[in-house]
Amino acid sequence: MADTTQGSQDAVDFLLEQHEEIRRLFASVRGATGESGRDAFQCLVRLLAVHETAEEMAVHPAARAADGGDAVVEERLAEESAAKQALADLEKLELGSAEFLAQLDVVEQAVLAHAEQEEQVEFPLLRELHDDATLERMKAAVQVAEATAPTHPHPHGPESAIGNLVVGPFVAIADRVRDALKGR
């Protein structure tokens, strides 16, 4: 099991912190209007997009090495796929509208259920299977993946490490250009 009491942070700790930030951002989106609501929503979308891509590239492949890891990862990928589609649908709606808030509920429930499964099933597998140094290196890989990941959900995009390595940079560039043009 990874020891995080000595000031070092591993991939699991890093992802757990992001899960908490995602929970806070959902609350912020609900509680904000106007420009602050749009900003909170864009932060949420970006974090969800880069977080899931990084998991697909660095975390899920490591979890597959555990006994039963393939099944665990396949379940997480199915959840991620559904959440990506729901988030992409949400991006098309008017912030604060009744339809937006209803779809936000759907996305939030899916994302939080997914995070809970990672926290209860996948992350313990990682801690059992990998030593502290490996989990710390995995954090660095997660951070690199996030830095080059798309900033919006792409439900029909790749869900594998190789697919994200091949297609991801092109999609990420397109997303970042779109964000810049929209002043995000």
C-alpha atoms as a PDB file:
ATOM      1  CA  MET A   1       0.000   0.000   0.000  1.00  0.00           C
ATOM      2  CA  ALA A   2       1.285   3.470  -0.840  1.00  0.00           C
ATOM      3  CA  ASP A   3       2.426   5.628   2.059  1.00  0.00           C
ATOM      4  CA  THR A   4       1.361   9.219   1.580  1.00  0.00           C
ATOM      5  CA  THR A   5       2.307  10.492   5.034  1.00  0.00           C
ATOM      6  CA  GLN A   6       5.774  11.632   3.988  1.00  0.00           C
ATOM      7  CA  GLY A   7       4.620  14.456   1.749  1.00  0.00           C
ATOM      8  CA  SER A   8       4.799  12.624  -1.559  1.00  0.00           C
ATOM      9  CA  GLN A   9       1.637  12.273  -3.552  1.00  0.00           C
ATOM     10  CA  ASP A  10       0.916   9.344  -5.810  1.00  0.00           C
ATOM     11  CA  ALA A  11      -1.497   8.918  -8.712  1.00  0.00           C
ATOM     12  CA  VAL A  12      -4.324   7.672  -6.522  1.00  0.00           C
ATOM     13  CA  ASP A  13      -4.042  10.630  -4.125  1.00  0.00           C
ATOM     14  CA  PHE A  14      -3.892  13.018  -7.074  1.00  0.00           C
ATOM     15  CA  LEU A  15      -7.006  11.510  -8.691  1.00  0.00           C
ATOM     16  CA  LEU A  16      -8.863  11.492  -5.357  1.00  0.00           C
ATOM     17  CA  GLU A  17      -8.152  15.231  -5.026  1.00  0.00           C
ATOM     18  CA  GLN A  18      -9.535  15.734  -8.520  1.00  0.00           C
ATOM     19  CA  HIS A  19     -12.671  13.792  -7.584  1.00  0.00           C
ATOM     20  CA  GLU A  20     -13.182  16.223  -4.695  1.00  0.00           C
ATOM     21  CA  GLU A  21     -12.643  19.176  -7.042  1.00  0.00           C
ATOM     22  CA  ILE A  22     -15.199  17.696  -9.455  1.00  0.00           C
ATOM     23  CA  ARG A  23     -17.729  17.463  -6.605  1.00  0.00           C
ATOM     24  CA  ARG A  24     -17.047  21.117  -5.691  1.00  0.00           C
ATOM     25  CA  LEU A  25     -17.403  22.211  -9.316  1.00  0.00           C
ATOM     26  CA  PHE A  26     -20.792  20.511  -9.680  1.00  0.00           C
ATOM     27  CA  ALA A  27     -21.958  22.490  -6.636  1.00  0.00           C
ATOM     28  CA  SER A  28     -20.484  25.695  -8.091  1.00  0.00           C
ATOM     29  CA  VAL A  29     -22.251  25.207 -11.414  1.00  0.00           C
ATOM     30  CA  ARG A  30     -25.550  24.748  -9.581  1.00  0.00           C
ATOM     31  CA  GLY A  31     -25.036  27.771  -7.377  1.00  0.00           C
ATOM     32  CA  ALA A  32     -23.760  30.275  -9.929  1.00  0.00           C
ATOM     33  CA  THR A  33     -25.351  32.305 -12.694  1.00  0.00           C
ATOM     34  CA  GLY A  34     -24.108  34.456 -15.545  1.00  0.00           C
ATOM     35  CA  GLU A  35     -20.380  34.669 -16.164  1.00  0.00           C
ATOM     36  CA  SER A  36     -19.407  32.903 -12.936  1.00  0.00           C
ATOM     37  CA  GLY A  37     -21.741  30.024 -13.855  1.00  0.00           C
ATOM     38  CA  ARG A  38     -20.211  29.759 -17.317  1.00  0.00           C
ATOM     39  CA  ASP A  39     -16.710  29.835 -15.843  1.00  0.00           C
ATOM     40  CA  ALA A  40     -17.550  27.119 -13.304  1.00  0.00           C
ATOM     41  CA  PHE A  41     -19.150  24.997 -16.009  1.00  0.00           C
ATOM     42  CA  GLN A  42     -16.162  25.344 -18.349  1.00  0.00           C
ATOM     43  CA  CYS A  43     -13.804  24.408 -15.487  1.00  0.00           C
ATOM     44  CA  LEU A  44     -15.941  21.339 -14.809  1.00  0.00           C
ATOM     45  CA  VAL A  45     -16.041  20.283 -18.467  1.00  0.00           C
ATOM     46  CA  ARG A  46     -12.299  20.745 -18.865  1.00  0.00           C
ATOM     47  CA  LEU A  47     -11.436  18.849 -15.681  1.00  0.00           C
ATOM     48  CA  LEU A  48     -13.737  15.954 -16.562  1.00  0.00           C
ATOM     49  CA  ALA A  49     -12.334  15.730 -20.094  1.00  0.00           C
ATOM     50  CA  VAL A  50      -8.662  15.765 -19.132  1.00  0.00           C
ATOM     51  CA  HIS A  51      -9.212  13.568 -16.071  1.00  0.00           C
ATOM     52  CA  GLU A  52     -10.899  10.780 -18.025  1.00  0.00           C
ATOM     53  CA  THR A  53      -8.351  10.893 -20.834  1.00  0.00           C
ATOM     54  CA  ALA A  54      -5.508  10.641 -18.320  1.00  0.00           C
ATOM     55  CA  GLU A  55      -7.160   7.673 -16.644  1.00  0.00           C
ATOM     56  CA  GLU A  56      -7.560   5.963 -20.003  1.00  0.00           C
ATOM     57  CA  MET A  57      -3.902   6.544 -20.817  1.00  0.00           C
ATOM     58  CA  ALA A  58      -2.132   5.937 -17.497  1.00  0.00           C
ATOM     59  CA  VAL A  59      -4.413   4.418 -14.870  1.00  0.00           C
ATOM     60  CA  HIS A  60      -6.585   1.849 -16.606  1.00  0.00           C
ATOM     61  CA  PRO A  61      -3.647   0.076 -18.292  1.00  0.00           C
ATOM     62  CA  ALA A  62      -2.003  -0.316 -14.868  1.00  0.00           C
ATOM     63  CA  ALA A  63      -5.226  -1.659 -13.337  1.00  0.00           C
ATOM     64  CA  ARG A  64      -5.583  -4.255 -16.094  1.00  0.00           C
ATOM     65  CA  ALA A  65      -2.521  -6.056 -14.695  1.00  0.00           C
ATOM     66  CA  ALA A  66      -4.467  -7.103 -11.568  1.00  0.00           C
ATOM     67  CA  ASP A  67      -6.459 -10.317 -11.364  1.00  0.00           C
ATOM     68  CA  GLY A  68      -9.884  -9.307 -12.658  1.00  0.00           C
ATOM     69  CA  GLY A  69      -8.472  -5.958 -13.739  1.00  0.00           C
ATOM     70  CA  ASP A  70      -9.744  -6.233 -17.309  1.00  0.00           C
ATOM     71  CA  ALA A  71     -13.345  -6.518 -16.100  1.00  0.00           C
ATOM     72  CA  VAL A  72     -12.916  -3.596 -13.711  1.00  0.00           C
ATOM     73  CA  VAL A  73     -11.469  -1.400 -16.458  1.00  0.00           C
ATOM     74  CA  GLU A  74     -14.129  -2.388 -18.996  1.00  0.00           C
ATOM     75  CA  GLU A  75     -16.833  -1.349 -16.516  1.00  0.00           C
ATOM     76  CA  ARG A  76     -15.095   2.008 -15.926  1.00  0.00           C
ATOM     77  CA  LEU A  77     -14.764   2.567 -19.694  1.00  0.00           C
ATOM     78  CA  ALA A  78     -18.475   1.893 -20.201  1.00  0.00           C
ATOM     79  CA  GLU A  79     -19.282   4.415 -17.463  1.00  0.00           C
ATOM     80  CA  GLU A  80     -16.897   6.953 -18.979  1.00  0.00           C
ATOM     81  CA  SER A  81     -18.400   6.517 -22.416  1.00  0.00           C
ATOM     82  CA  ALA A  82     -21.922   7.174 -21.141  1.00  0.00           C
ATOM     83  CA  ALA A  83     -20.733  10.170 -19.127  1.00  0.00           C
ATOM     84  CA  LYS A  84     -18.883  11.641 -22.128  1.00  0.00           C
ATOM     85  CA  GLN A  85     -22.043  11.491 -24.212  1.00  0.00           C
ATOM     86  CA  ALA A  86     -24.151  13.037 -21.450  1.00  0.00           C
ATOM     87  CA  LEU A  87     -21.570  15.798 -20.932  1.00  0.00           C
ATOM     88  CA  ALA A  88     -21.374  16.504 -24.670  1.00  0.00           C
ATOM     89  CA  ASP A  89     -25.182  16.790 -24.719  1.00  0.00           C
ATOM     90  CA  LEU A  90     -25.051  19.112 -21.711  1.00  0.00           C
ATOM     91  CA  GLU A  91     -22.568  21.430 -23.447  1.00  0.00           C
ATOM     92  CA  LYS A  92     -25.172  22.107 -26.148  1.00  0.00           C
ATOM     93  CA  LEU A  93     -27.792  23.389 -23.700  1.00  0.00           C
ATOM     94  CA  GLU A  94     -28.345  26.879 -22.353  1.00  0.00           C
ATOM     95  CA  LEU A  95     -26.673  27.247 -18.976  1.00  0.00           C
ATOM     96  CA  GLY A  96     -29.247  27.525 -16.203  1.00  0.00           C
ATOM     97  CA  SER A  97     -32.241  26.424 -18.281  1.00  0.00           C
ATOM     98  CA  ALA A  98     -34.553  23.755 -16.876  1.00  0.00           C
ATOM     99  CA  GLU A  99     -33.287  21.327 -19.507  1.00  0.00           C
ATOM    100  CA  PHE A 100     -29.675  22.118 -18.589  1.00  0.00           C
ATOM    101  CA  LEU A 101     -30.324  21.557 -14.891  1.00  0.00           C
ATOM    102  CA  ALA A 102     -32.086  18.255 -15.570  1.00  0.00           C
ATOM    103  CA  GLN A 103     -29.200  17.068 -17.769  1.00  0.00           C
ATOM    104  CA  LEU A 104     -26.707  18.334 -15.170  1.00  0.00           C
ATOM    105  CA  ASP A 105     -28.383  15.988 -12.664  1.00  0.00           C
ATOM    106  CA  VAL A 106     -27.901  13.078 -15.072  1.00  0.00           C
ATOM    107  CA  VAL A 107     -24.243  13.916 -15.658  1.00  0.00           C
ATOM    108  CA  GLU A 108     -23.537  14.481 -11.979  1.00  0.00           C
ATOM    109  CA  GLN A 109     -25.097  11.172 -10.942  1.00  0.00           C
ATOM    110  CA  ALA A 110     -23.154   9.286 -13.623  1.00  0.00           C
ATOM    111  CA  VAL A 111     -19.838  10.977 -12.849  1.00  0.00           C
ATOM    112  CA  LEU A 112     -20.141  10.564  -9.085  1.00  0.00           C
ATOM    113  CA  ALA A 113     -21.166   6.904  -9.394  1.00  0.00           C
ATOM    114  CA  HIS A 114     -18.148   6.372 -11.664  1.00  0.00           C
ATOM    115  CA  ALA A 115     -15.822   8.123  -9.201  1.00  0.00           C
ATOM    116  CA  GLU A 116     -17.185   6.009  -6.363  1.00  0.00           C
ATOM    117  CA  GLN A 117     -16.479   2.801  -8.292  1.00  0.00           C
ATOM    118  CA  GLU A 118     -12.944   3.963  -8.995  1.00  0.00           C
ATOM    119  CA  GLU A 119     -12.436   4.826  -5.330  1.00  0.00           C
ATOM    120  CA  GLN A 120     -13.871   1.544  -4.043  1.00  0.00           C
ATOM    121  CA  VAL A 121     -12.674  -0.901  -6.718  1.00  0.00           C
ATOM    122  CA  GLU A 122     -10.023   0.351  -9.143  1.00  0.00           C
ATOM    123  CA  PHE A 123      -7.854   2.485  -6.861  1.00  0.00           C
ATOM    124  CA  PRO A 124      -7.487  -0.261  -4.228  1.00  0.00           C
ATOM    125  CA  LEU A 125      -6.362  -2.605  -7.022  1.00  0.00           C
ATOM    126  CA  LEU A 126      -3.683  -0.108  -7.998  1.00  0.00           C
ATOM    127  CA  ARG A 127      -2.459   0.225  -4.414  1.00  0.00           C
ATOM    128  CA  GLU A 128      -2.335  -3.574  -3.984  1.00  0.00           C
ATOM    129  CA  LEU A 129      -0.534  -4.157  -7.264  1.00  0.00           C
ATOM    130  CA  HIS A 130       1.976  -1.305  -7.427  1.00  0.00           C
ATOM    131  CA  ASP A 131       4.595   0.023  -5.039  1.00  0.00           C
ATOM    132  CA  ASP A 132       4.970   3.648  -3.951  1.00  0.00           C
ATOM    133  CA  ALA A 133       7.544   4.517  -6.601  1.00  0.00           C
ATOM    134  CA  THR A 134       5.386   3.125  -9.405  1.00  0.00           C
ATOM    135  CA  LEU A 135       2.331   5.031  -8.171  1.00  0.00           C
ATOM    136  CA  GLU A 136       4.381   8.232  -7.972  1.00  0.00           C
ATOM    137  CA  ARG A 137       5.604   7.713 -11.555  1.00  0.00           C
ATOM    138  CA  MET A 138       2.009   7.034 -12.556  1.00  0.00           C
ATOM    139  CA  LYS A 139       1.056  10.456 -11.145  1.00  0.00           C
ATOM    140  CA  ALA A 140       3.632  12.067 -13.436  1.00  0.00           C
ATOM    141  CA  ALA A 141       2.169  10.139 -16.377  1.00  0.00           C
ATOM    142  CA  VAL A 142      -1.338  11.291 -15.428  1.00  0.00           C
ATOM    143  CA  GLN A 143      -0.181  14.909 -15.308  1.00  0.00           C
ATOM    144  CA  VAL A 144       1.519  14.681 -18.707  1.00  0.00           C
ATOM    145  CA  ALA A 145      -1.587  13.045 -20.186  1.00  0.00           C
ATOM    146  CA  GLU A 146      -3.781  15.799 -18.769  1.00  0.00           C
ATOM    147  CA  ALA A 147      -1.524  18.499 -20.182  1.00  0.00           C
ATOM    148  CA  THR A 148      -2.021  17.140 -23.694  1.00  0.00           C
ATOM    149  CA  ALA A 149      -5.611  15.880 -23.401  1.00  0.00           C
ATOM    150  CA  PRO A 150      -8.686  17.229 -25.169  1.00  0.00           C
ATOM    151  CA  THR A 151     -10.554  19.830 -23.116  1.00  0.00           C
ATOM    152  CA  HIS A 152     -14.051  18.723 -24.141  1.00  0.00           C
ATOM    153  CA  PRO A 153     -15.773  15.345 -24.172  1.00  0.00           C
ATOM    154  CA  HIS A 154     -15.582  13.356 -27.394  1.00  0.00           C
ATOM    155  CA  PRO A 155     -18.015  10.458 -26.984  1.00  0.00           C
ATOM    156  CA  HIS A 156     -16.959   8.801 -30.212  1.00  0.00           C
ATOM    157  CA  GLY A 157     -13.234   9.201 -29.588  1.00  0.00           C
ATOM    158  CA  PRO A 158     -10.764   6.554 -28.484  1.00  0.00           C
ATOM    159  CA  GLU A 159     -10.897   5.036 -25.007  1.00  0.00           C
ATOM    160  CA  SER A 160      -7.570   3.242 -25.034  1.00  0.00           C
ATOM    161  CA  ALA A 161      -4.088   4.466 -24.251  1.00  0.00           C
ATOM    162  CA  ILE A 162      -2.941   3.828 -27.819  1.00  0.00           C
ATOM    163  CA  GLY A 163      -6.013   5.469 -29.335  1.00  0.00           C
ATOM    164  CA  ASN A 164      -5.551   8.524 -27.144  1.00  0.00           C
ATOM    165  CA  LEU A 165      -1.869   8.722 -28.070  1.00  0.00           C
ATOM    166  CA  VAL A 166      -2.636   8.596 -31.788  1.00  0.00           C
ATOM    167  CA  VAL A 167      -5.770  10.753 -32.007  1.00  0.00           C
ATOM    168  CA  GLY A 168      -5.715  12.704 -28.754  1.00  0.00           C
ATOM    169  CA  PRO A 169      -3.131  15.374 -29.620  1.00  0.00           C
ATOM    170  CA  PHE A 170      -5.010  16.410 -32.762  1.00  0.00           C
ATOM    171  CA  VAL A 171      -8.314  16.595 -30.909  1.00  0.00           C
ATOM    172  CA  ALA A 172      -6.655  18.449 -28.033  1.00  0.00           C
ATOM    173  CA  ILE A 173      -5.251  21.079 -30.397  1.00  0.00           C
ATOM    174  CA  ALA A 174      -8.675  21.561 -31.977  1.00  0.00           C
ATOM    175  CA  ASP A 175     -10.275  21.891 -28.533  1.00  0.00           C
ATOM    176  CA  ARG A 176      -7.684  24.400 -27.346  1.00  0.00           C
ATOM    177  CA  VAL A 177      -8.086  26.504 -30.493  1.00  0.00           C
ATOM    178  CA  ARG A 178     -11.879  26.430 -30.051  1.00  0.00           C
ATOM    179  CA  ASP A 179     -11.454  27.452 -26.398  1.00  0.00           C
ATOM    180  CA  ALA A 180      -9.144  30.312 -27.367  1.00  0.00           C
ATOM    181  CA  LEU A 181     -11.540  31.566 -30.021  1.00  0.00           C
ATOM    182  CA  LYS A 182     -14.342  31.565 -27.469  1.00  0.00           C
ATOM    183  CA  GLY A 183     -12.144  33.343 -24.921  1.00  0.00           C
ATOM    184  CA  ARG A 184     -11.940  30.452 -22.443  1.00  0.00           C
END
